[in-house]
């Protein structure tokens, strides 16, 4: 995903702007100059719990919203496997994550939007 670096907000933490919204993220490696543009991968740490961390929404949108205490990623479910691997699409970007507590209803609704 294409991001522009806006400001440093702590050691290894940067505020970035993307086509889907602005958010705070961890940066690995030497800090690049502010205003520079980079193509990055979004990493979701640990497992997500279906029904708590992930929910289906009626009208899918593609956005990233930073509330200060958490970051919500909304996109399209690209695929969902019975062993709990979910692929989330934001435009041309695809992010895989491990999900617990999947049900048969989850599989039936896999082409709907997801709010993570």
PDB file of N, CA and C in Angstrom:
ATOM      1  N   UNK A   1       0.837  -1.165   0.000  1.00  0.00           N
ATOM      2  CA  UNK A   1       0.000   0.000   0.000  1.00  0.00           C
ATOM      3  C   UNK A   1       0.892   1.242   0.000  1.00  0.00           C
ATOM      4  N   UNK A   2       0.464   2.242  -0.731  1.00  0.00           N
ATOM      5  CA  UNK A   2       1.219   3.497  -0.823  1.00  0.00           C
ATOM      6  C   UNK A   2       0.896   4.370   0.381  1.00  0.00           C
ATOM      7  N   UNK A   3       1.936   4.813   1.094  1.00  0.00           N
ATOM      8  CA  UNK A   3       1.758   5.730   2.220  1.00  0.00           C
ATOM      9  C   UNK A   3       2.752   6.877   2.110  1.00  0.00           C
ATOM     10  N   UNK A   4       2.335   8.032   2.626  1.00  0.00           N
ATOM     11  CA  UNK A   4       3.231   9.187   2.747  1.00  0.00           C
ATOM     12  C   UNK A   4       3.459   9.416   4.229  1.00  0.00           C
ATOM     13  N   UNK A   5       4.709   9.606   4.619  1.00  0.00           N
ATOM     14  CA  UNK A   5       5.049   9.811   6.024  1.00  0.00           C
ATOM     15  C   UNK A   5       4.747  11.250   6.415  1.00  0.00           C
ATOM     16  N   UNK A   6       3.969  11.418   7.487  1.00  0.00           N
ATOM     17  CA  UNK A   6       3.521  12.743   7.916  1.00  0.00           C
ATOM     18  C   UNK A   6       4.342  13.264   9.087  1.00  0.00           C
ATOM     19  N   UNK A   7       4.481  12.434  10.149  1.00  0.00           N
ATOM     20  CA  UNK A   7       5.221  12.891  11.325  1.00  0.00           C
ATOM     21  C   UNK A   7       5.628  11.714  12.197  1.00  0.00           C
ATOM     22  N   UNK A   8       6.637  11.937  13.035  1.00  0.00           N
ATOM     23  CA  UNK A   8       7.057  10.968  14.034  1.00  0.00           C
ATOM     24  C   UNK A   8       6.202  11.175  15.274  1.00  0.00           C
ATOM     25  N   UNK A   9       5.693  10.080  15.838  1.00  0.00           N
ATOM     26  CA  UNK A   9       4.851  10.194  17.038  1.00  0.00           C
ATOM     27  C   UNK A   9       5.423   9.406  18.214  1.00  0.00           C
ATOM     28  N   UNK A  10       6.632   8.939  18.085  1.00  0.00           N
ATOM     29  CA  UNK A  10       7.310   8.179  19.131  1.00  0.00           C
ATOM     30  C   UNK A  10       8.359   7.299  18.493  1.00  0.00           C
ATOM     31  N   UNK A  11       9.168   6.684  19.327  1.00  0.00           N
ATOM     32  CA  UNK A  11      10.238   5.848  18.800  1.00  0.00           C
ATOM     33  C   UNK A  11       9.657   4.678  17.997  1.00  0.00           C
ATOM     34  N   UNK A  12       9.981   4.649  16.716  1.00  0.00           N
ATOM     35  CA  UNK A  12       9.499   3.590  15.837  1.00  0.00           C
ATOM     36  C   UNK A  12       8.038   3.724  15.448  1.00  0.00           C
ATOM     37  N   UNK A  13       7.406   4.847  15.746  1.00  0.00           N
ATOM     38  CA  UNK A  13       5.995   5.080  15.411  1.00  0.00           C
ATOM     39  C   UNK A  13       5.878   6.312  14.530  1.00  0.00           C
ATOM     40  N   UNK A  14       5.148   6.170  13.431  1.00  0.00           N
ATOM     41  CA  UNK A  14       4.972   7.266  12.481  1.00  0.00           C
ATOM     42  C   UNK A  14       3.495   7.447  12.158  1.00  0.00           C
ATOM     43  N   UNK A  15       3.122   8.661  11.883  1.00  0.00           N
ATOM     44  CA  UNK A  15       1.784   8.951  11.362  1.00  0.00           C
ATOM     45  C   UNK A  15       1.929   8.984   9.852  1.00  0.00           C
ATOM     46  N   UNK A  16       1.060   8.224   9.158  1.00  0.00           N
ATOM     47  CA  UNK A  16       1.130   8.131   7.710  1.00  0.00           C
ATOM     48  C   UNK A  16      -0.224   8.448   7.090  1.00  0.00           C
ATOM     49  N   UNK A  17      -0.194   8.828   5.827  1.00  0.00           N
ATOM     50  CA  UNK A  17      -1.405   9.083   5.063  1.00  0.00           C
ATOM     51  C   UNK A  17      -1.437   8.084   3.913  1.00  0.00           C
ATOM     52  N   UNK A  18      -2.611   7.487   3.689  1.00  0.00           N
ATOM     53  CA  UNK A  18      -2.776   6.532   2.595  1.00  0.00           C
ATOM     54  C   UNK A  18      -4.036   6.904   1.816  1.00  0.00           C
ATOM     55  N   UNK A  19      -4.272   6.265   0.679  1.00  0.00           N
ATOM     56  CA  UNK A  19      -5.514   6.536  -0.056  1.00  0.00           C
ATOM     57  C   UNK A  19      -6.766   6.165   0.744  1.00  0.00           C
ATOM     58  N   UNK A  20      -6.595   5.401   1.842  1.00  0.00           N
ATOM     59  CA  UNK A  20      -7.728   4.914   2.638  1.00  0.00           C
ATOM     60  C   UNK A  20      -7.893   5.645   3.956  1.00  0.00           C
ATOM     61  N   UNK A  21      -6.983   6.562   4.265  1.00  0.00           N
ATOM     62  CA  UNK A  21      -7.052   7.316   5.508  1.00  0.00           C
ATOM     63  C   UNK A  21      -5.688   7.460   6.143  1.00  0.00           C
ATOM     64  N   UNK A  22      -5.628   8.283   7.183  1.00  0.00           N
ATOM     65  CA  UNK A  22      -4.377   8.486   7.924  1.00  0.00           C
ATOM     66  C   UNK A  22      -4.406   7.634   9.184  1.00  0.00           C
ATOM     67  N   UNK A  23      -3.234   7.138   9.579  1.00  0.00           N
ATOM     68  CA  UNK A  23      -3.163   6.298  10.767  1.00  0.00           C
ATOM     69  C   UNK A  23      -1.740   6.272  11.308  1.00  0.00           C
ATOM     70  N   UNK A  24      -1.615   5.800  12.541  1.00  0.00           N
ATOM     71  CA  UNK A  24      -0.318   5.646  13.190  1.00  0.00           C
ATOM     72  C   UNK A  24       0.129   4.204  13.031  1.00  0.00           C
ATOM     73  N   UNK A  25       1.402   4.010  12.713  1.00  0.00           N
ATOM     74  CA  UNK A  25       1.915   2.668  12.470  1.00  0.00           C
ATOM     75  C   UNK A  25       3.334   2.539  12.980  1.00  0.00           C
ATOM     76  N   UNK A  26       3.730   1.306  13.228  1.00  0.00           N
ATOM     77  CA  UNK A  26       5.117   1.025  13.579  1.00  0.00           C
ATOM     78  C   UNK A  26       5.964   1.025  12.321  1.00  0.00           C
ATOM     79  N   UNK A  27       7.205   1.473  12.453  1.00  0.00           N
ATOM     80  CA  UNK A  27       8.133   1.500  11.318  1.00  0.00           C
ATOM     81  C   UNK A  27       9.358   0.706  11.699  1.00  0.00           C
ATOM     82  N   UNK A  28       9.729  -0.265  10.860  1.00  0.00           N
ATOM     83  CA  UNK A  28      10.909  -1.092  11.109  1.00  0.00           C
ATOM     84  C   UNK A  28      12.078  -0.552  10.293  1.00  0.00           C
ATOM     85  N   UNK A  29      13.210  -0.374  10.943  1.00  0.00           N
ATOM     86  CA  UNK A  29      14.390   0.127  10.251  1.00  0.00           C
ATOM     87  C   UNK A  29      14.614   1.603  10.523  1.00  0.00           C
ATOM     88  N   UNK A  30      15.577   2.157   9.795  1.00  0.00           N
ATOM     89  CA  UNK A  30      15.916   3.566   9.959  1.00  0.00           C
ATOM     90  C   UNK A  30      14.751   4.446   9.503  1.00  0.00           C
ATOM     91  N   UNK A  31      14.475   5.475  10.285  1.00  0.00           N
ATOM     92  CA  UNK A  31      13.347   6.355   9.972  1.00  0.00           C
ATOM     93  C   UNK A  31      13.648   7.184   8.726  1.00  0.00           C
ATOM     94  N   UNK A  32      12.796   7.104   7.726  1.00  0.00           N
ATOM     95  CA  UNK A  32      13.002   7.888   6.501  1.00  0.00           C
ATOM     96  C   UNK A  32      12.550   9.336   6.692  1.00  0.00           C
ATOM     97  N   UNK A  33      12.868  10.214   5.756  1.00  0.00           N
ATOM     98  CA  UNK A  33      12.463  11.619   5.881  1.00  0.00           C
ATOM     99  C   UNK A  33      10.946  11.786   5.787  1.00  0.00           C
ATOM    100  N   UNK A  34      10.434  12.731   6.572  1.00  0.00           N
ATOM    101  CA  UNK A  34       9.010  13.035   6.528  1.00  0.00           C
ATOM    102  C   UNK A  34       8.653  13.584   5.149  1.00  0.00           C
ATOM    103  N   UNK A  35       7.468  13.258   4.673  1.00  0.00           N
ATOM    104  CA  UNK A  35       7.031  13.665   3.349  1.00  0.00           C
ATOM    105  C   UNK A  35       7.378  12.665   2.270  1.00  0.00           C
ATOM    106  N   UNK A  36       8.230  11.681   2.601  1.00  0.00           N
ATOM    107  CA  UNK A  36       8.598  10.689   1.592  1.00  0.00           C
ATOM    108  C   UNK A  36       7.467   9.678   1.420  1.00  0.00           C
ATOM    109  N   UNK A  37       7.416   9.063   0.239  1.00  0.00           N
ATOM    110  CA  UNK A  37       6.368   8.097  -0.113  1.00  0.00           C
ATOM    111  C   UNK A  37       6.989   6.707  -0.180  1.00  0.00           C
ATOM    112  N   UNK A  38       6.258   5.723   0.377  1.00  0.00           N
ATOM    113  CA  UNK A  38       6.746   4.338   0.420  1.00  0.00           C
ATOM    114  C   UNK A  38       5.605   3.381   0.128  1.00  0.00           C
ATOM    115  N   UNK A  39       5.946   2.203  -0.343  1.00  0.00           N
ATOM    116  CA  UNK A  39       4.972   1.129  -0.515  1.00  0.00           C
ATOM    117  C   UNK A  39       5.233   0.121   0.590  1.00  0.00           C
ATOM    118  N   UNK A  40       4.222  -0.098   1.434  1.00  0.00           N
ATOM    119  CA  UNK A  40       4.393  -0.902   2.644  1.00  0.00           C
ATOM    120  C   UNK A  40       3.334  -1.996   2.722  1.00  0.00           C
ATOM    121  N   UNK A  41       3.568  -2.951   3.619  1.00  0.00           N
ATOM    122  CA  UNK A  41       2.589  -3.979   3.952  1.00  0.00           C
ATOM    123  C   UNK A  41       2.041  -3.673   5.329  1.00  0.00           C
ATOM    124  N   UNK A  42       0.753  -3.857   5.497  1.00  0.00           N
ATOM    125  CA  UNK A  42       0.137  -3.712   6.813  1.00  0.00           C
ATOM    126  C   UNK A  42       0.174  -5.078   7.484  1.00  0.00           C
ATOM    127  N   UNK A  43       0.657  -5.117   8.696  1.00  0.00           N
ATOM    128  CA  UNK A  43       0.748  -6.357   9.455  1.00  0.00           C
ATOM    129  C   UNK A  43      -0.233  -6.305  10.615  1.00  0.00           C
ATOM    130  N   UNK A  44      -1.024  -7.361  10.743  1.00  0.00           N
ATOM    131  CA  UNK A  44      -1.955  -7.487  11.862  1.00  0.00           C
ATOM    132  C   UNK A  44      -1.331  -8.473  12.840  1.00  0.00           C
ATOM    133  N   UNK A  45      -1.035  -8.009  14.057  1.00  0.00           N
ATOM    134  CA  UNK A  45      -0.362  -8.849  15.043  1.00  0.00           C
ATOM    135  C   UNK A  45      -1.334  -9.804  15.721  1.00  0.00           C
ATOM    136  N   UNK A  46      -0.950 -11.062  15.833  1.00  0.00           N
ATOM    137  CA  UNK A  46      -1.745 -12.053  16.543  1.00  0.00           C
ATOM    138  C   UNK A  46      -2.999 -12.462  15.793  1.00  0.00           C
ATOM    139  N   UNK A  47      -3.827 -13.261  16.481  1.00  0.00           N
ATOM    140  CA  UNK A  47      -5.080 -13.718  15.912  1.00  0.00           C
ATOM    141  C   UNK A  47      -6.185 -12.709  16.169  1.00  0.00           C
ATOM    142  N   UNK A  48      -7.149 -12.679  15.278  1.00  0.00           N
ATOM    143  CA  UNK A  48      -8.336 -11.842  15.462  1.00  0.00           C
ATOM    144  C   UNK A  48      -9.493 -12.765  15.832  1.00  0.00           C
ATOM    145  N   UNK A  49     -10.390 -12.291  16.651  1.00  0.00           N
ATOM    146  CA  UNK A  49     -11.546 -13.076  17.083  1.00  0.00           C
ATOM    147  C   UNK A  49     -12.776 -12.616  16.308  1.00  0.00           C
ATOM    148  N   UNK A  50     -13.370 -13.546  15.538  1.00  0.00           N
ATOM    149  CA  UNK A  50     -14.553 -13.226  14.767  1.00  0.00           C
ATOM    150  C   UNK A  50     -15.690 -12.858  15.717  1.00  0.00           C
ATOM    151  N   UNK A  51     -16.397 -11.769  15.428  1.00  0.00           N
ATOM    152  CA  UNK A  51     -17.493 -11.319  16.272  1.00  0.00           C
ATOM    153  C   UNK A  51     -17.054 -10.297  17.307  1.00  0.00           C
ATOM    154  N   UNK A  52     -15.760 -10.221  17.553  1.00  0.00           N
ATOM    155  CA  UNK A  52     -15.225  -9.227  18.496  1.00  0.00           C
ATOM    156  C   UNK A  52     -14.281  -8.269  17.778  1.00  0.00           C
ATOM    157  N   UNK A  53     -13.222  -8.804  17.175  1.00  0.00           N
ATOM    158  CA  UNK A  53     -12.263  -7.981  16.432  1.00  0.00           C
ATOM    159  C   UNK A  53     -12.688  -7.783  14.983  1.00  0.00           C
ATOM    160  N   UNK A  54     -13.475  -8.714  14.450  1.00  0.00           N
ATOM    161  CA  UNK A  54     -13.910  -8.683  13.052  1.00  0.00           C
ATOM    162  C   UNK A  54     -15.419  -8.833  12.989  1.00  0.00           C
ATOM    163  N   UNK A  55     -16.072  -8.019  12.170  1.00  0.00           N
ATOM    164  CA  UNK A  55     -17.515  -8.128  11.979  1.00  0.00           C
ATOM    165  C   UNK A  55     -17.865  -7.830  10.531  1.00  0.00           C
ATOM    166  N   UNK A  56     -18.975  -8.396  10.068  1.00  0.00           N
ATOM    167  CA  UNK A  56     -19.477  -8.115   8.732  1.00  0.00           C
ATOM    168  C   UNK A  56     -20.329  -6.854   8.815  1.00  0.00           C
ATOM    169  N   UNK A  57     -20.204  -5.996   7.829  1.00  0.00           N
ATOM    170  CA  UNK A  57     -21.001  -4.766   7.767  1.00  0.00           C
ATOM    171  C   UNK A  57     -21.900  -4.813   6.535  1.00  0.00           C
ATOM    172  N   UNK A  58     -22.985  -4.049   6.569  1.00  0.00           N
ATOM    173  CA  UNK A  58     -23.969  -4.082   5.488  1.00  0.00           C
ATOM    174  C   UNK A  58     -23.435  -3.500   4.180  1.00  0.00           C
ATOM    175  N   UNK A  59     -22.738  -2.387   4.246  1.00  0.00           N
ATOM    176  CA  UNK A  59     -22.229  -1.728   3.042  1.00  0.00           C
ATOM    177  C   UNK A  59     -20.711  -1.677   3.105  1.00  0.00           C
ATOM    178  N   UNK A  60     -20.033  -2.522   2.321  1.00  0.00           N
ATOM    179  CA  UNK A  60     -18.576  -2.546   2.380  1.00  0.00           C
ATOM    180  C   UNK A  60     -17.942  -1.229   1.932  1.00  0.00           C
ATOM    181  N   UNK A  61     -16.966  -0.799   2.684  1.00  0.00           N
ATOM    182  CA  UNK A  61     -16.172   0.375   2.338  1.00  0.00           C
ATOM    183  C   UNK A  61     -14.706  -0.014   2.447  1.00  0.00           C
ATOM    184  N   UNK A  62     -13.855   0.766   1.839  1.00  0.00           N
ATOM    185  CA  UNK A  62     -12.420   0.539   1.954  1.00  0.00           C
ATOM    186  C   UNK A  62     -11.829   1.756   2.625  1.00  0.00           C
ATOM    187  N   UNK A  63     -11.478   1.588   3.912  1.00  0.00           N
ATOM    188  CA  UNK A  63     -10.903   2.710   4.650  1.00  0.00           C
ATOM    189  C   UNK A  63     -10.092   2.207   5.824  1.00  0.00           C
ATOM    190  N   UNK A  64      -9.243   3.107   6.330  1.00  0.00           N
ATOM    191  CA  UNK A  64      -8.487   2.865   7.553  1.00  0.00           C
ATOM    192  C   UNK A  64      -8.782   4.053   8.457  1.00  0.00           C
ATOM    193  N   UNK A  65      -9.278   3.768   9.664  1.00  0.00           N
ATOM    194  CA  UNK A  65      -9.664   4.810  10.611  1.00  0.00           C
ATOM    195  C   UNK A  65      -8.865   4.618  11.892  1.00  0.00           C
ATOM    196  N   UNK A  66      -8.168   5.666  12.318  1.00  0.00           N
ATOM    197  CA  UNK A  66      -7.363   5.647  13.543  1.00  0.00           C
ATOM    198  C   UNK A  66      -8.117   6.419  14.615  1.00  0.00           C
ATOM    199  N   UNK A  67      -8.572   5.711  15.661  1.00  0.00           N
ATOM    200  CA  UNK A  67      -9.325   6.360  16.734  1.00  0.00           C
ATOM    201  C   UNK A  67      -8.420   6.845  17.861  1.00  0.00           C
ATOM    202  N   UNK A  68      -7.139   6.604  17.743  1.00  0.00           N
ATOM    203  CA  UNK A  68      -6.198   6.978  18.801  1.00  0.00           C
ATOM    204  C   UNK A  68      -5.809   5.779  19.645  1.00  0.00           C
ATOM    205  N   UNK A  69      -6.789   4.956  20.038  1.00  0.00           N
ATOM    206  CA  UNK A  69      -6.492   3.767  20.838  1.00  0.00           C
ATOM    207  C   UNK A  69      -6.448   2.501  19.984  1.00  0.00           C
ATOM    208  N   UNK A  70      -7.002   2.574  18.772  1.00  0.00           N
ATOM    209  CA  UNK A  70      -6.973   1.424  17.868  1.00  0.00           C
ATOM    210  C   UNK A  70      -7.094   1.907  16.426  1.00  0.00           C
ATOM    211  N   UNK A  71      -6.779   1.009  15.515  1.00  0.00           N
ATOM    212  CA  UNK A  71      -6.902   1.296  14.087  1.00  0.00           C
ATOM    213  C   UNK A  71      -7.888   0.289  13.508  1.00  0.00           C
ATOM    214  N   UNK A  72      -8.917   0.783  12.796  1.00  0.00           N
ATOM    215  CA  UNK A  72      -9.906  -0.087  12.159  1.00  0.00           C
ATOM    216  C   UNK A  72      -9.622  -0.121  10.663  1.00  0.00           C
ATOM    217  N   UNK A  73      -9.534  -1.327  10.123  1.00  0.00           N
ATOM    218  CA  UNK A  73      -9.325  -1.520   8.692  1.00  0.00           C
ATOM    219  C   UNK A  73     -10.607  -2.108   8.123  1.00  0.00           C
ATOM    220  N   UNK A  74     -11.198  -1.443   7.145  1.00  0.00           N
ATOM    221  CA  UNK A  74     -12.409  -1.943   6.502  1.00  0.00           C
ATOM    222  C   UNK A  74     -12.100  -2.251   5.048  1.00  0.00           C
ATOM    223  N   UNK A  75     -12.524  -3.413   4.596  1.00  0.00           N
ATOM    224  CA  UNK A  75     -12.279  -3.814   3.224  1.00  0.00           C
ATOM    225  C   UNK A  75     -13.197  -4.937   2.816  1.00  0.00           C
ATOM    226  N   UNK A  76     -12.849  -5.620   1.756  1.00  0.00           N
ATOM    227  CA  UNK A  76     -13.635  -6.711   1.192  1.00  0.00           C
ATOM    228  C   UNK A  76     -12.977  -8.036   1.540  1.00  0.00           C
ATOM    229  N   UNK A  77     -13.793  -9.005   1.996  1.00  0.00           N
ATOM    230  CA  UNK A  77     -13.253 -10.343   2.226  1.00  0.00           C
ATOM    231  C   UNK A  77     -12.986 -10.964   0.860  1.00  0.00           C
ATOM    232  N   UNK A  78     -11.734 -11.255   0.587  1.00  0.00           N
ATOM    233  CA  UNK A  78     -11.343 -11.870  -0.677  1.00  0.00           C
ATOM    234  C   UNK A  78     -11.517 -13.383  -0.606  1.00  0.00           C
ATOM    235  N   UNK A  79     -11.071 -13.969   0.501  1.00  0.00           N
ATOM    236  CA  UNK A  79     -11.232 -15.409   0.695  1.00  0.00           C
ATOM    237  C   UNK A  79     -11.191 -15.711   2.190  1.00  0.00           C
ATOM    238  N   UNK A  80     -11.762 -16.859   2.529  1.00  0.00           N
ATOM    239  CA  UNK A  80     -11.860 -17.285   3.913  1.00  0.00           C
ATOM    240  C   UNK A  80     -11.777 -18.795   3.924  1.00  0.00           C
ATOM    241  N   UNK A  81     -10.783 -19.346   4.598  1.00  0.00           N
ATOM    242  CA  UNK A  81     -10.601 -20.795   4.604  1.00  0.00           C
ATOM    243  C   UNK A  81     -11.131 -21.389   5.906  1.00  0.00           C
ATOM    244  N   UNK A  82     -11.544 -22.659   5.881  1.00  0.00           N
ATOM    245  CA  UNK A  82     -12.071 -23.306   7.083  1.00  0.00           C
ATOM    246  C   UNK A  82     -11.067 -23.352   8.244  1.00  0.00           C
ATOM    247  N   UNK A  83      -9.769 -23.260   7.937  1.00  0.00           N
ATOM    248  CA  UNK A  83      -8.766 -23.292   9.006  1.00  0.00           C
ATOM    249  C   UNK A  83      -8.496 -21.915   9.599  1.00  0.00           C
ATOM    250  N   UNK A  84      -9.280 -20.895   9.202  1.00  0.00           N
ATOM    251  CA  UNK A  84      -9.211 -19.604   9.857  1.00  0.00           C
ATOM    252  C   UNK A  84      -8.307 -18.572   9.224  1.00  0.00           C
ATOM    253  N   UNK A  85      -7.920 -18.751   7.966  1.00  0.00           N
ATOM    254  CA  UNK A  85      -7.111 -17.729   7.288  1.00  0.00           C
ATOM    255  C   UNK A  85      -8.044 -16.865   6.449  1.00  0.00           C
ATOM    256  N   UNK A  86      -8.016 -15.569   6.706  1.00  0.00           N
ATOM    257  CA  UNK A  86      -8.872 -14.618   6.005  1.00  0.00           C
ATOM    258  C   UNK A  86      -7.994 -13.675   5.203  1.00  0.00           C
ATOM    259  N   UNK A  87      -8.353 -13.458   3.946  1.00  0.00           N
ATOM    260  CA  UNK A  87      -7.656 -12.489   3.096  1.00  0.00           C
ATOM    261  C   UNK A  87      -8.566 -11.281   2.933  1.00  0.00           C
ATOM    262  N   UNK A  88      -8.067 -10.115   3.326  1.00  0.00           N
ATOM    263  CA  UNK A  88      -8.811  -8.866   3.265  1.00  0.00           C
ATOM    264  C   UNK A  88      -8.253  -8.000   2.149  1.00  0.00           C
ATOM    265  N   UNK A  89      -9.120  -7.510   1.256  1.00  0.00           N
ATOM    266  CA  UNK A  89      -8.689  -6.683   0.127  1.00  0.00           C
ATOM    267  C   UNK A  89      -9.022  -5.217   0.381  1.00  0.00           C
ATOM    268  N   UNK A  90      -8.015  -4.377   0.170  1.00  0.00           N
ATOM    269  CA  UNK A  90      -8.179  -2.930   0.095  1.00  0.00           C
ATOM    270  C   UNK A  90      -7.624  -2.528  -1.258  1.00  0.00           C
ATOM    271  N   UNK A  91      -8.490  -2.287  -2.226  1.00  0.00           N
ATOM    272  CA  UNK A  91      -8.104  -1.943  -3.587  1.00  0.00           C
ATOM    273  C   UNK A  91      -7.181  -3.024  -4.141  1.00  0.00           C
ATOM    274  N   UNK A  92      -5.916  -2.714  -4.430  1.00  0.00           N
ATOM    275  CA  UNK A  92      -4.983  -3.698  -4.970  1.00  0.00           C
ATOM    276  C   UNK A  92      -4.179  -4.410  -3.886  1.00  0.00           C
ATOM    277  N   UNK A  93      -4.371  -4.030  -2.626  1.00  0.00           N
ATOM    278  CA  UNK A  93      -3.625  -4.623  -1.518  1.00  0.00           C
ATOM    279  C   UNK A  93      -4.419  -5.780  -0.916  1.00  0.00           C
ATOM    280  N   UNK A  94      -3.712  -6.835  -0.552  1.00  0.00           N
ATOM    281  CA  UNK A  94      -4.315  -8.003   0.061  1.00  0.00           C
ATOM    282  C   UNK A  94      -3.582  -8.302   1.353  1.00  0.00           C
ATOM    283  N   UNK A  95      -4.309  -8.519   2.434  1.00  0.00           N
ATOM    284  CA  UNK A  95      -3.702  -8.793   3.741  1.00  0.00           C
ATOM    285  C   UNK A  95      -4.299 -10.058   4.308  1.00  0.00           C
ATOM    286  N   UNK A  96      -3.459 -11.037   4.653  1.00  0.00           N
ATOM    287  CA  UNK A  96      -3.910 -12.279   5.274  1.00  0.00           C
ATOM    288  C   UNK A  96      -3.808 -12.154   6.782  1.00  0.00           C
ATOM    289  N   UNK A  97      -4.772 -12.766   7.472  1.00  0.00           N
ATOM    290  CA  UNK A  97      -4.726 -12.780   8.932  1.00  0.00           C
ATOM    291  C   UNK A  97      -5.353 -14.064   9.447  1.00  0.00           C
ATOM    292  N   UNK A  98      -4.943 -14.472  10.628  1.00  0.00           N
ATOM    293  CA  UNK A  98      -5.487 -15.652  11.275  1.00  0.00           C
ATOM    294  C   UNK A  98      -6.682 -15.235  12.120  1.00  0.00           C
ATOM    295  N   UNK A  99      -7.796 -15.981  11.968  1.00  0.00           N
ATOM    296  CA  UNK A  99      -9.036 -15.631  12.660  1.00  0.00           C
ATOM    297  C   UNK A  99      -9.542 -16.843  13.436  1.00  0.00           C
ATOM    298  N   UNK A 100      -9.983 -16.606  14.670  1.00  0.00           N
ATOM    299  CA  UNK A 100     -10.598 -17.661  15.494  1.00  0.00           C
ATOM    300  C   UNK A 100     -12.108 -17.448  15.552  1.00  0.00           C
ATOM    301  N   UNK A 101     -12.836 -18.505  15.886  1.00  0.00           N
ATOM    302  CA  UNK A 101     -14.273 -18.463  16.135  1.00  0.00           C
ATOM    303  C   UNK A 101     -15.083 -18.296  14.851  1.00  0.00           C
ATOM    304  N   UNK A 102     -14.612 -18.888  13.740  1.00  0.00           N
ATOM    305  CA  UNK A 102     -15.361 -18.826  12.486  1.00  0.00           C
ATOM    306  C   UNK A 102     -16.537 -19.806  12.547  1.00  0.00           C
ATOM    307  N   UNK A 103     -17.645 -19.449  11.887  1.00  0.00           N
ATOM    308  CA  UNK A 103     -18.830 -20.304  11.847  1.00  0.00           C
ATOM    309  C   UNK A 103     -19.226 -20.542  10.396  1.00  0.00           C
ATOM    310  N   UNK A 104     -20.196 -21.447  10.165  1.00  0.00           N
ATOM    311  CA  UNK A 104     -20.696 -21.681   8.810  1.00  0.00           C
ATOM    312  C   UNK A 104     -21.297 -20.409   8.235  1.00  0.00           C
ATOM    313  N   UNK A 105     -21.960 -19.610   9.063  1.00  0.00           N
ATOM    314  CA  UNK A 105     -22.540 -18.353   8.606  1.00  0.00           C
ATOM    315  C   UNK A 105     -21.452 -17.415   8.084  1.00  0.00           C
ATOM    316  N   UNK A 106     -20.299 -17.449   8.705  1.00  0.00           N
ATOM    317  CA  UNK A 106     -19.171 -16.635   8.258  1.00  0.00           C
ATOM    318  C   UNK A 106     -18.825 -16.978   6.814  1.00  0.00           C
ATOM    319  N   UNK A 107     -18.768 -18.282   6.501  1.00  0.00           N
ATOM    320  CA  UNK A 107     -18.429 -18.715   5.140  1.00  0.00           C
ATOM    321  C   UNK A 107     -19.496 -18.298   4.137  1.00  0.00           C
ATOM    322  N   UNK A 108     -20.770 -18.344   4.521  1.00  0.00           N
ATOM    323  CA  UNK A 108     -21.848 -17.952   3.621  1.00  0.00           C
ATOM    324  C   UNK A 108     -21.769 -16.479   3.265  1.00  0.00           C
ATOM    325  N   UNK A 109     -21.230 -15.672   4.175  1.00  0.00           N
ATOM    326  CA  UNK A 109     -21.213 -14.225   3.980  1.00  0.00           C
ATOM    327  C   UNK A 109     -19.845 -13.713   3.543  1.00  0.00           C
ATOM    328  N   UNK A 110     -18.972 -14.575   3.103  1.00  0.00           N
ATOM    329  CA  UNK A 110     -17.578 -14.173   2.870  1.00  0.00           C
ATOM    330  C   UNK A 110     -17.395 -13.100   1.814  1.00  0.00           C
ATOM    331  N   UNK A 111     -18.324 -12.879   0.898  1.00  0.00           N
ATOM    332  CA  UNK A 111     -18.149 -11.854  -0.117  1.00  0.00           C
ATOM    333  C   UNK A 111     -18.646 -10.485   0.342  1.00  0.00           C
ATOM    334  N   UNK A 112     -19.154 -10.411   1.573  1.00  0.00           N
ATOM    335  CA  UNK A 112     -19.604  -9.128   2.092  1.00  0.00           C
ATOM    336  C   UNK A 112     -18.430  -8.352   2.669  1.00  0.00           C
ATOM    337  N   UNK A 113     -18.693  -7.148   3.067  1.00  0.00           N
ATOM    338  CA  UNK A 113     -17.645  -6.296   3.624  1.00  0.00           C
ATOM    339  C   UNK A 113     -17.200  -6.774   4.991  1.00  0.00           C
ATOM    340  N   UNK A 114     -16.047  -6.334   5.380  1.00  0.00           N
ATOM    341  CA  UNK A 114     -15.497  -6.684   6.683  1.00  0.00           C
ATOM    342  C   UNK A 114     -14.984  -5.436   7.353  1.00  0.00           C
ATOM    343  N   UNK A 115     -15.262  -5.320   8.596  1.00  0.00           N
ATOM    344  CA  UNK A 115     -14.741  -4.215   9.383  1.00  0.00           C
ATOM    345  C   UNK A 115     -13.827  -4.817  10.430  1.00  0.00           C
ATOM    346  N   UNK A 116     -12.518  -4.564  10.339  1.00  0.00           N
ATOM    347  CA  UNK A 116     -11.568  -5.186  11.268  1.00  0.00           C
ATOM    348  C   UNK A 116     -11.134  -4.195  12.314  1.00  0.00           C
TER     349      UNK A 116
END
